[in-house]
Amino acid sequence: MGWRAGCAILLGLLSAQPAAAQNASPEALKAEVVYRLLMFVTWPADRELAGRPLQLCTVGEGRMDSALQSLAGRPIRHLTVDVRHQARADQLAGCHLLYLPTPQPALRPVLADLPVLVISDVAVMLEQGAMINLQIEDGRIVFDVDLDAARRVGLAISTKLLRLARYVRHQTTSP
């Protein structure tokens, strides 16, 4: 799928009206947004090797687990999504994405240097290590991005995606 089609679909999902929500749960809509977001994130080359799965990981007990599981087997570029529930912090190194349903302060030092995209839908999580935070606002799914946190661990987020974000945290540096 081209980036234009991906942007159009993502924009459509983000602006889903309540009528569309009657057909799908908020969790299912958020899971679909997570999938579309993945199209606009690039990991370091050694993490995007053809034939290897894109590991979407969850920890804890969350309401999103079932919805995220529906993404298993779907393609992202030359990778295929594999969804795993991780019980231990030492299992996170293989993850490409970690969906956190609740704050997990003990994981921050573990994730500090790993190229793992951390996504949550808890409002305070952008302040606690999430790189993308999903929220429902006026019947639409919106998202905020901590671009600095993503770049710190070697992730690249497309400007096409950043233009759709409600808020982007980015420190400008002087030359």
N, C-alpha and C. Protein backbone atom coordinates (compact mmCIF):
# COMPACT_ATOMS: atom_id res chain seq x y z
N MET A 1 0.85 -1.17 0.00
CA MET A 1 0.00 0.00 0.00
C MET A 1 0.90 1.23 0.00
N GLY A 2 0.58 2.20 -0.86
CA GLY A 2 1.35 3.43 -0.93
C GLY A 2 1.09 4.32 0.26
N TRP A 3 2.00 5.28 0.47
CA TRP A 3 1.85 6.17 1.63
C TRP A 3 0.62 7.04 1.50
N ARG A 4 0.23 7.40 0.28
CA ARG A 4 -0.98 8.23 0.12
C ARG A 4 -2.22 7.46 0.55
N ALA A 5 -2.31 6.22 0.12
CA ALA A 5 -3.46 5.40 0.51
C ALA A 5 -3.45 5.18 2.02
N GLY A 6 -2.27 4.91 2.58
CA GLY A 6 -2.15 4.72 4.03
C GLY A 6 -2.58 5.95 4.79
N CYS A 7 -2.15 7.13 4.31
CA CYS A 7 -2.54 8.40 4.96
C CYS A 7 -4.05 8.59 4.89
N ALA A 8 -4.62 8.31 3.72
CA ALA A 8 -6.06 8.50 3.55
C ALA A 8 -6.84 7.58 4.49
N ILE A 9 -6.41 6.33 4.60
CA ILE A 9 -7.09 5.39 5.48
C ILE A 9 -6.92 5.79 6.93
N LEU A 10 -5.70 6.18 7.31
CA LEU A 10 -5.45 6.62 8.69
C LEU A 10 -6.30 7.84 9.01
N LEU A 11 -6.35 8.79 8.10
CA LEU A 11 -7.15 9.99 8.33
C LEU A 11 -8.62 9.62 8.49
N GLY A 12 -9.09 8.68 7.68
CA GLY A 12 -10.48 8.23 7.80
C GLY A 12 -10.76 7.59 9.15
N LEU A 13 -9.82 6.78 9.63
CA LEU A 13 -9.99 6.15 10.94
C LEU A 13 -9.96 7.18 12.06
N LEU A 14 -9.07 8.15 11.94
CA LEU A 14 -8.95 9.15 12.99
C LEU A 14 -10.20 10.01 13.10
N SER A 15 -10.88 10.18 11.98
CA SER A 15 -12.06 11.04 12.00
C SER A 15 -13.35 10.24 12.05
N ALA A 16 -13.25 8.97 12.40
CA ALA A 16 -14.44 8.11 12.48
C ALA A 16 -15.48 8.73 13.40
N GLN A 17 -16.67 8.84 12.89
CA GLN A 17 -17.77 9.41 13.66
C GLN A 17 -18.43 8.32 14.50
N PRO A 18 -19.24 8.70 15.46
CA PRO A 18 -19.89 7.71 16.32
C PRO A 18 -20.64 6.62 15.56
N ALA A 19 -21.20 6.93 14.39
CA ALA A 19 -21.92 5.91 13.62
C ALA A 19 -20.99 4.76 13.25
N ALA A 20 -19.77 5.09 12.86
CA ALA A 20 -18.79 4.05 12.53
C ALA A 20 -18.41 3.26 13.78
N ALA A 21 -18.39 3.93 14.90
CA ALA A 21 -18.01 3.27 16.15
C ALA A 21 -19.05 2.25 16.59
N GLN A 22 -20.30 2.37 16.09
CA GLN A 22 -21.32 1.39 16.44
C GLN A 22 -20.96 0.01 15.89
N ASN A 23 -20.23 -0.01 14.78
CA ASN A 23 -19.86 -1.28 14.16
C ASN A 23 -18.59 -1.88 14.75
N ALA A 24 -17.79 -1.08 15.43
CA ALA A 24 -16.54 -1.57 16.00
C ALA A 24 -16.33 -0.94 17.37
N SER A 25 -15.74 -1.70 18.26
CA SER A 25 -15.46 -1.19 19.60
C SER A 25 -14.36 -0.14 19.53
N PRO A 26 -14.26 0.73 20.54
CA PRO A 26 -13.14 1.69 20.58
C PRO A 26 -11.79 0.98 20.54
N GLU A 27 -11.71 -0.19 21.16
CA GLU A 27 -10.46 -0.94 21.16
C GLU A 27 -10.11 -1.41 19.76
N ALA A 28 -11.11 -1.90 19.01
CA ALA A 28 -10.86 -2.35 17.63
C ALA A 28 -10.41 -1.19 16.75
N LEU A 29 -11.04 -0.03 16.93
CA LEU A 29 -10.63 1.15 16.15
C LEU A 29 -9.21 1.57 16.52
N LYS A 30 -8.88 1.56 17.80
CA LYS A 30 -7.52 1.92 18.22
C LYS A 30 -6.51 0.93 17.68
N ALA A 31 -6.85 -0.36 17.68
CA ALA A 31 -5.93 -1.36 17.14
C ALA A 31 -5.68 -1.11 15.65
N GLU A 32 -6.71 -0.75 14.93
CA GLU A 32 -6.54 -0.45 13.51
C GLU A 32 -5.68 0.79 13.32
N VAL A 33 -5.85 1.79 14.17
CA VAL A 33 -5.00 2.98 14.10
C VAL A 33 -3.55 2.59 14.40
N VAL A 34 -3.32 1.74 15.39
CA VAL A 34 -1.96 1.28 15.70
C VAL A 34 -1.35 0.64 14.45
N TYR A 35 -2.11 -0.21 13.78
CA TYR A 35 -1.61 -0.86 12.57
C TYR A 35 -1.23 0.18 11.52
N ARG A 36 -2.09 1.16 11.30
CA ARG A 36 -1.81 2.20 10.30
C ARG A 36 -0.61 3.05 10.70
N LEU A 37 -0.46 3.32 12.00
CA LEU A 37 0.69 4.09 12.47
C LEU A 37 2.00 3.38 12.14
N LEU A 38 1.99 2.06 12.25
CA LEU A 38 3.20 1.27 12.00
C LEU A 38 3.73 1.47 10.58
N MET A 39 2.86 1.81 9.65
CA MET A 39 3.28 2.04 8.27
C MET A 39 4.18 3.26 8.14
N PHE A 40 4.16 4.12 9.14
CA PHE A 40 4.90 5.38 9.06
C PHE A 40 6.06 5.45 10.04
N VAL A 41 6.44 4.31 10.59
CA VAL A 41 7.57 4.24 11.52
C VAL A 41 8.63 3.34 10.90
N THR A 42 9.88 3.77 11.00
CA THR A 42 11.00 2.97 10.50
C THR A 42 11.94 2.67 11.65
N TRP A 43 12.33 1.41 11.75
CA TRP A 43 13.26 0.96 12.78
C TRP A 43 14.66 0.91 12.17
N PRO A 44 15.69 0.81 13.00
CA PRO A 44 17.05 0.63 12.47
C PRO A 44 17.08 -0.58 11.53
N ALA A 45 17.96 -0.54 10.53
CA ALA A 45 18.01 -1.57 9.48
C ALA A 45 18.10 -2.99 10.03
N ASP A 46 18.85 -3.19 11.09
CA ASP A 46 18.99 -4.54 11.64
C ASP A 46 17.72 -5.06 12.30
N ARG A 47 16.74 -4.18 12.49
CA ARG A 47 15.46 -4.59 13.09
C ARG A 47 14.38 -4.82 12.03
N GLU A 48 14.67 -4.46 10.77
CA GLU A 48 13.68 -4.60 9.70
C GLU A 48 14.16 -5.57 8.64
N LEU A 49 14.64 -6.71 9.04
CA LEU A 49 15.15 -7.69 8.10
C LEU A 49 13.99 -8.47 7.48
N ALA A 50 14.02 -8.59 6.15
CA ALA A 50 12.97 -9.31 5.44
C ALA A 50 12.84 -10.73 5.98
N GLY A 51 11.61 -11.18 6.07
CA GLY A 51 11.35 -12.53 6.55
C GLY A 51 11.22 -12.65 8.05
N ARG A 52 11.56 -11.59 8.77
CA ARG A 52 11.42 -11.63 10.23
C ARG A 52 10.11 -10.93 10.60
N PRO A 53 9.50 -11.35 11.68
CA PRO A 53 8.23 -10.72 12.07
C PRO A 53 8.43 -9.35 12.71
N LEU A 54 7.41 -8.54 12.61
CA LEU A 54 7.35 -7.29 13.36
C LEU A 54 6.65 -7.64 14.67
N GLN A 55 7.39 -7.61 15.76
CA GLN A 55 6.86 -8.04 17.06
C GLN A 55 6.08 -6.91 17.72
N LEU A 56 4.78 -7.09 17.84
CA LEU A 56 3.92 -6.17 18.57
C LEU A 56 3.69 -6.83 19.93
N CYS A 57 4.18 -6.20 20.98
CA CYS A 57 4.13 -6.80 22.31
C CYS A 57 3.20 -6.04 23.25
N THR A 58 2.62 -6.76 24.18
CA THR A 58 1.82 -6.16 25.25
C THR A 58 2.33 -6.70 26.58
N VAL A 59 2.12 -5.94 27.63
CA VAL A 59 2.43 -6.41 28.99
C VAL A 59 1.24 -6.09 29.87
N GLY A 60 1.14 -6.81 30.97
CA GLY A 60 0.03 -6.57 31.89
C GLY A 60 -1.28 -7.06 31.29
N GLU A 61 -2.33 -6.81 32.00
CA GLU A 61 -3.66 -7.19 31.54
C GLU A 61 -4.34 -5.95 31.02
N GLY A 62 -4.61 -5.93 29.74
CA GLY A 62 -5.20 -4.73 29.17
C GLY A 62 -6.41 -5.03 28.31
N ARG A 63 -7.26 -4.04 28.20
CA ARG A 63 -8.47 -4.17 27.41
C ARG A 63 -8.18 -4.23 25.91
N MET A 64 -6.94 -3.87 25.50
CA MET A 64 -6.57 -3.85 24.09
C MET A 64 -6.02 -5.18 23.59
N ASP A 65 -5.72 -6.11 24.47
CA ASP A 65 -5.05 -7.35 24.07
C ASP A 65 -5.77 -8.07 22.93
N SER A 66 -7.05 -8.28 23.07
CA SER A 66 -7.81 -9.02 22.06
C SER A 66 -7.83 -8.26 20.73
N ALA A 67 -8.04 -6.96 20.78
CA ALA A 67 -8.08 -6.15 19.56
C ALA A 67 -6.73 -6.15 18.86
N LEU A 68 -5.65 -6.04 19.63
CA LEU A 68 -4.31 -6.06 19.03
C LEU A 68 -4.00 -7.43 18.44
N GLN A 69 -4.51 -8.49 19.06
CA GLN A 69 -4.28 -9.84 18.54
C GLN A 69 -4.83 -9.97 17.13
N SER A 70 -5.86 -9.21 16.80
CA SER A 70 -6.44 -9.28 15.45
C SER A 70 -5.48 -8.77 14.37
N LEU A 71 -4.40 -8.11 14.77
CA LEU A 71 -3.43 -7.61 13.79
C LEU A 71 -2.42 -8.69 13.38
N ALA A 72 -2.38 -9.80 14.09
CA ALA A 72 -1.41 -10.87 13.79
C ALA A 72 -1.55 -11.34 12.35
N GLY A 73 -0.40 -11.46 11.69
CA GLY A 73 -0.37 -11.94 10.31
C GLY A 73 -0.50 -10.86 9.25
N ARG A 74 -0.81 -9.65 9.66
CA ARG A 74 -0.96 -8.57 8.68
C ARG A 74 0.41 -8.01 8.29
N PRO A 75 0.56 -7.58 7.02
CA PRO A 75 1.86 -7.10 6.56
C PRO A 75 2.12 -5.63 6.87
N ILE A 76 3.38 -5.32 7.17
CA ILE A 76 3.89 -3.95 7.26
C ILE A 76 5.16 -3.96 6.42
N ARG A 77 5.11 -3.33 5.27
CA ARG A 77 6.21 -3.38 4.31
C ARG A 77 6.59 -4.85 4.06
N HIS A 78 7.82 -5.25 4.33
CA HIS A 78 8.27 -6.63 4.08
C HIS A 78 8.24 -7.48 5.35
N LEU A 79 7.56 -7.00 6.38
CA LEU A 79 7.44 -7.72 7.65
C LEU A 79 6.00 -8.16 7.86
N THR A 80 5.81 -9.13 8.73
CA THR A 80 4.47 -9.58 9.10
C THR A 80 4.31 -9.41 10.60
N VAL A 81 3.18 -8.86 11.01
CA VAL A 81 2.93 -8.59 12.43
C VAL A 81 2.76 -9.90 13.20
N ASP A 82 3.46 -9.99 14.31
CA ASP A 82 3.33 -11.11 15.25
C ASP A 82 3.02 -10.48 16.61
N VAL A 83 1.93 -10.87 17.23
CA VAL A 83 1.51 -10.27 18.50
C VAL A 83 1.87 -11.22 19.64
N ARG A 84 2.55 -10.67 20.65
CA ARG A 84 2.98 -11.48 21.79
C ARG A 84 2.68 -10.75 23.09
N HIS A 85 2.25 -11.51 24.06
CA HIS A 85 2.07 -10.98 25.41
C HIS A 85 3.34 -11.33 26.18
N GLN A 86 4.05 -10.32 26.64
CA GLN A 86 5.31 -10.52 27.35
C GLN A 86 5.07 -10.38 28.85
N ALA A 87 5.51 -11.36 29.58
CA ALA A 87 5.31 -11.35 31.03
C ALA A 87 6.50 -10.75 31.76
N ARG A 88 7.68 -10.77 31.11
CA ARG A 88 8.89 -10.31 31.79
C ARG A 88 9.58 -9.21 31.00
N ALA A 89 10.22 -8.31 31.73
CA ALA A 89 10.92 -7.18 31.12
C ALA A 89 12.07 -7.63 30.23
N ASP A 90 12.72 -8.74 30.56
CA ASP A 90 13.86 -9.19 29.76
C ASP A 90 13.44 -9.76 28.40
N GLN A 91 12.15 -9.86 28.14
CA GLN A 91 11.65 -10.36 26.85
C GLN A 91 11.37 -9.23 25.87
N LEU A 92 11.54 -7.99 26.28
CA LEU A 92 11.14 -6.85 25.45
C LEU A 92 12.13 -6.50 24.35
N ALA A 93 13.35 -6.98 24.43
CA ALA A 93 14.38 -6.61 23.45
C ALA A 93 13.98 -6.98 22.02
N GLY A 94 13.20 -8.03 21.83
CA GLY A 94 12.79 -8.43 20.49
C GLY A 94 11.57 -7.70 19.96
N CYS A 95 10.96 -6.87 20.77
CA CYS A 95 9.75 -6.16 20.37
C CYS A 95 10.07 -4.98 19.46
N HIS A 96 9.20 -4.74 18.49
CA HIS A 96 9.26 -3.52 17.68
C HIS A 96 8.35 -2.47 18.31
N LEU A 97 7.21 -2.93 18.79
CA LEU A 97 6.22 -2.05 19.40
C LEU A 97 5.79 -2.65 20.72
N LEU A 98 5.64 -1.80 21.71
CA LEU A 98 5.12 -2.23 23.01
C LEU A 98 3.90 -1.39 23.32
N TYR A 99 2.75 -2.05 23.48
CA TYR A 99 1.52 -1.35 23.84
C TYR A 99 1.35 -1.47 25.35
N LEU A 100 1.34 -0.33 26.02
CA LEU A 100 1.22 -0.31 27.48
C LEU A 100 -0.18 0.15 27.88
N PRO A 101 -0.96 -0.71 28.54
CA PRO A 101 -2.30 -0.33 28.96
C PRO A 101 -2.30 0.49 30.25
N THR A 102 -1.21 0.44 31.00
CA THR A 102 -1.09 1.19 32.25
C THR A 102 0.36 1.63 32.42
N PRO A 103 0.60 2.64 33.24
CA PRO A 103 1.99 3.03 33.50
C PRO A 103 2.79 1.85 34.05
N GLN A 104 4.01 1.71 33.56
CA GLN A 104 4.91 0.63 33.99
C GLN A 104 6.28 1.24 34.28
N PRO A 105 6.42 1.98 35.39
CA PRO A 105 7.68 2.68 35.67
C PRO A 105 8.90 1.77 35.67
N ALA A 106 8.76 0.53 36.06
CA ALA A 106 9.91 -0.39 36.11
C ALA A 106 10.46 -0.69 34.71
N LEU A 107 9.65 -0.48 33.67
CA LEU A 107 10.11 -0.78 32.31
C LEU A 107 10.91 0.36 31.69
N ARG A 108 10.80 1.56 32.23
CA ARG A 108 11.49 2.69 31.61
C ARG A 108 12.99 2.47 31.45
N PRO A 109 13.71 2.01 32.48
CA PRO A 109 15.15 1.80 32.26
C PRO A 109 15.44 0.67 31.27
N VAL A 110 14.57 -0.34 31.23
CA VAL A 110 14.75 -1.45 30.30
C VAL A 110 14.60 -0.97 28.86
N LEU A 111 13.64 -0.07 28.63
CA LEU A 111 13.34 0.40 27.28
C LEU A 111 14.21 1.58 26.84
N ALA A 112 14.96 2.17 27.75
CA ALA A 112 15.68 3.42 27.48
C ALA A 112 16.55 3.38 26.24
N ASP A 113 17.18 2.25 25.94
CA ASP A 113 18.08 2.17 24.80
C ASP A 113 17.63 1.19 23.73
N LEU A 114 16.42 0.67 23.86
CA LEU A 114 15.92 -0.29 22.88
C LEU A 114 15.10 0.42 21.80
N PRO A 115 15.26 0.02 20.53
CA PRO A 115 14.45 0.62 19.46
C PRO A 115 13.04 0.03 19.45
N VAL A 116 12.29 0.34 20.50
CA VAL A 116 10.93 -0.16 20.68
C VAL A 116 9.99 1.03 20.71
N LEU A 117 9.01 1.04 19.81
CA LEU A 117 8.00 2.09 19.78
C LEU A 117 7.00 1.80 20.89
N VAL A 118 6.86 2.72 21.84
CA VAL A 118 5.95 2.53 22.97
C VAL A 118 4.69 3.34 22.70
N ILE A 119 3.55 2.65 22.69
CA ILE A 119 2.24 3.27 22.44
C ILE A 119 1.34 2.98 23.62
N SER A 120 0.49 3.95 23.97
CA SER A 120 -0.48 3.77 25.04
C SER A 120 -1.73 4.57 24.70
N ASP A 121 -2.77 4.34 25.48
CA ASP A 121 -3.98 5.15 25.36
C ASP A 121 -4.37 5.74 26.71
N VAL A 122 -3.38 5.82 27.61
CA VAL A 122 -3.58 6.43 28.92
C VAL A 122 -2.98 7.83 28.86
N ALA A 123 -3.77 8.84 29.19
CA ALA A 123 -3.37 10.23 28.97
C ALA A 123 -2.01 10.59 29.54
N VAL A 124 -1.64 10.09 30.69
CA VAL A 124 -0.37 10.49 31.32
C VAL A 124 0.84 9.78 30.73
N MET A 125 0.64 8.84 29.85
CA MET A 125 1.75 8.01 29.39
C MET A 125 2.77 8.73 28.54
N LEU A 126 2.41 9.81 27.86
CA LEU A 126 3.40 10.54 27.08
C LEU A 126 4.46 11.12 28.01
N GLU A 127 4.07 11.40 29.24
CA GLU A 127 5.02 11.90 30.25
C GLU A 127 5.79 10.77 30.91
N GLN A 128 5.36 9.53 30.68
CA GLN A 128 5.97 8.39 31.37
C GLN A 128 6.60 7.38 30.42
N GLY A 129 7.01 7.85 29.25
CA GLY A 129 7.78 6.99 28.37
C GLY A 129 7.12 6.57 27.07
N ALA A 130 5.82 6.80 26.90
CA ALA A 130 5.19 6.45 25.63
C ALA A 130 5.66 7.43 24.55
N MET A 131 5.78 6.94 23.34
CA MET A 131 6.16 7.78 22.21
C MET A 131 4.95 8.23 21.42
N ILE A 132 3.90 7.41 21.46
CA ILE A 132 2.63 7.78 20.83
C ILE A 132 1.53 7.48 21.83
N ASN A 133 0.63 8.44 21.99
CA ASN A 133 -0.48 8.28 22.92
C ASN A 133 -1.78 8.49 22.15
N LEU A 134 -2.67 7.51 22.19
CA LEU A 134 -3.96 7.58 21.52
C LEU A 134 -5.02 8.06 22.50
N GLN A 135 -5.90 8.92 22.04
CA GLN A 135 -7.01 9.40 22.85
C GLN A 135 -8.25 9.52 21.99
N ILE A 136 -9.41 9.45 22.61
CA ILE A 136 -10.65 9.73 21.91
C ILE A 136 -11.09 11.12 22.33
N GLU A 137 -11.28 11.98 21.34
CA GLU A 137 -11.66 13.37 21.59
C GLU A 137 -12.78 13.74 20.63
N ASP A 138 -13.91 14.15 21.16
CA ASP A 138 -15.06 14.51 20.33
C ASP A 138 -15.43 13.41 19.34
N GLY A 139 -15.38 12.16 19.80
CA GLY A 139 -15.77 11.04 18.95
C GLY A 139 -14.73 10.63 17.93
N ARG A 140 -13.53 11.20 17.98
CA ARG A 140 -12.47 10.86 17.03
C ARG A 140 -11.26 10.34 17.79
N ILE A 141 -10.51 9.50 17.13
CA ILE A 141 -9.24 9.06 17.71
C ILE A 141 -8.18 10.07 17.29
N VAL A 142 -7.51 10.63 18.29
CA VAL A 142 -6.41 11.56 18.05
C VAL A 142 -5.16 10.97 18.69
N PHE A 143 -4.00 11.49 18.28
CA PHE A 143 -2.78 10.97 18.89
C PHE A 143 -1.76 12.07 19.04
N ASP A 144 -0.94 11.90 20.07
CA ASP A 144 0.18 12.79 20.36
C ASP A 144 1.45 11.99 20.18
N VAL A 145 2.53 12.67 19.79
CA VAL A 145 3.80 12.00 19.52
C VAL A 145 4.92 12.68 20.29
N ASP A 146 5.75 11.88 20.94
CA ASP A 146 7.00 12.38 21.53
C ASP A 146 8.11 12.00 20.56
N LEU A 147 8.36 12.89 19.60
CA LEU A 147 9.33 12.62 18.54
C LEU A 147 10.74 12.48 19.10
N ASP A 148 11.06 13.28 20.10
CA ASP A 148 12.39 13.20 20.70
C ASP A 148 12.65 11.82 21.30
N ALA A 149 11.67 11.27 21.99
CA ALA A 149 11.83 9.95 22.61
C ALA A 149 12.02 8.88 21.53
N ALA A 150 11.29 8.98 20.44
CA ALA A 150 11.43 8.01 19.35
C ALA A 150 12.81 8.10 18.71
N ARG A 151 13.26 9.30 18.45
CA ARG A 151 14.57 9.49 17.82
C ARG A 151 15.71 9.03 18.74
N ARG A 152 15.54 9.21 20.04
CA ARG A 152 16.57 8.80 20.99
C ARG A 152 16.92 7.32 20.88
N VAL A 153 15.94 6.51 20.52
CA VAL A 153 16.18 5.07 20.42
C VAL A 153 16.32 4.60 18.97
N GLY A 154 16.48 5.54 18.04
CA GLY A 154 16.76 5.19 16.66
C GLY A 154 15.56 4.97 15.77
N LEU A 155 14.38 5.39 16.19
CA LEU A 155 13.18 5.25 15.37
C LEU A 155 12.97 6.51 14.54
N ALA A 156 12.48 6.33 13.33
CA ALA A 156 12.13 7.46 12.47
C ALA A 156 10.62 7.44 12.27
N ILE A 157 9.99 8.58 12.49
CA ILE A 157 8.55 8.70 12.29
C ILE A 157 8.34 9.66 11.13
N SER A 158 7.60 9.22 10.14
CA SER A 158 7.38 9.99 8.92
C SER A 158 6.71 11.33 9.21
N THR A 159 7.14 12.35 8.48
CA THR A 159 6.51 13.67 8.62
C THR A 159 5.05 13.60 8.18
N LYS A 160 4.72 12.67 7.32
CA LYS A 160 3.32 12.51 6.90
C LYS A 160 2.44 12.15 8.10
N LEU A 161 2.96 11.31 8.97
CA LEU A 161 2.23 10.94 10.18
C LEU A 161 2.22 12.10 11.18
N LEU A 162 3.35 12.77 11.32
CA LEU A 162 3.44 13.87 12.27
C LEU A 162 2.45 14.98 11.94
N ARG A 163 2.16 15.18 10.66
CA ARG A 163 1.19 16.21 10.26
C ARG A 163 -0.22 15.88 10.75
N LEU A 164 -0.50 14.61 10.97
CA LEU A 164 -1.83 14.20 11.43
C LEU A 164 -1.96 14.21 12.95
N ALA A 165 -0.83 14.34 13.64
CA ALA A 165 -0.85 14.31 15.11
C ALA A 165 -1.49 15.56 15.68
N ARG A 166 -2.15 15.39 16.82
CA ARG A 166 -2.72 16.54 17.53
C ARG A 166 -1.61 17.37 18.14
N TYR A 167 -0.58 16.70 18.65
CA TYR A 167 0.54 17.37 19.31
C TYR A 167 1.81 16.57 19.04
N VAL A 168 2.91 17.28 18.74
CA VAL A 168 4.21 16.64 18.57
C VAL A 168 5.19 17.31 19.51
N ARG A 169 5.77 16.52 20.41
CA ARG A 169 6.81 17.04 21.30
C ARG A 169 8.14 16.91 20.56
N HIS A 170 8.77 18.06 20.35
CA HIS A 170 10.04 18.06 19.63
C HIS A 170 10.84 19.28 20.04
N GLN A 171 11.99 19.05 20.62
CA GLN A 171 12.88 20.15 21.01
C GLN A 171 13.67 20.57 19.78
N THR A 172 13.58 21.83 19.43
CA THR A 172 14.40 22.30 18.32
C THR A 172 15.77 22.66 18.88
N THR A 173 16.78 22.29 18.15
CA THR A 173 18.14 22.57 18.61
C THR A 173 18.73 23.68 17.77
N SER A 174 19.52 24.53 18.39
CA SER A 174 20.16 25.60 17.64
C SER A 174 21.45 25.09 17.03
N PRO A 175 21.81 25.66 15.87
CA PRO A 175 23.02 25.20 15.20
C PRO A 175 24.27 25.52 15.97
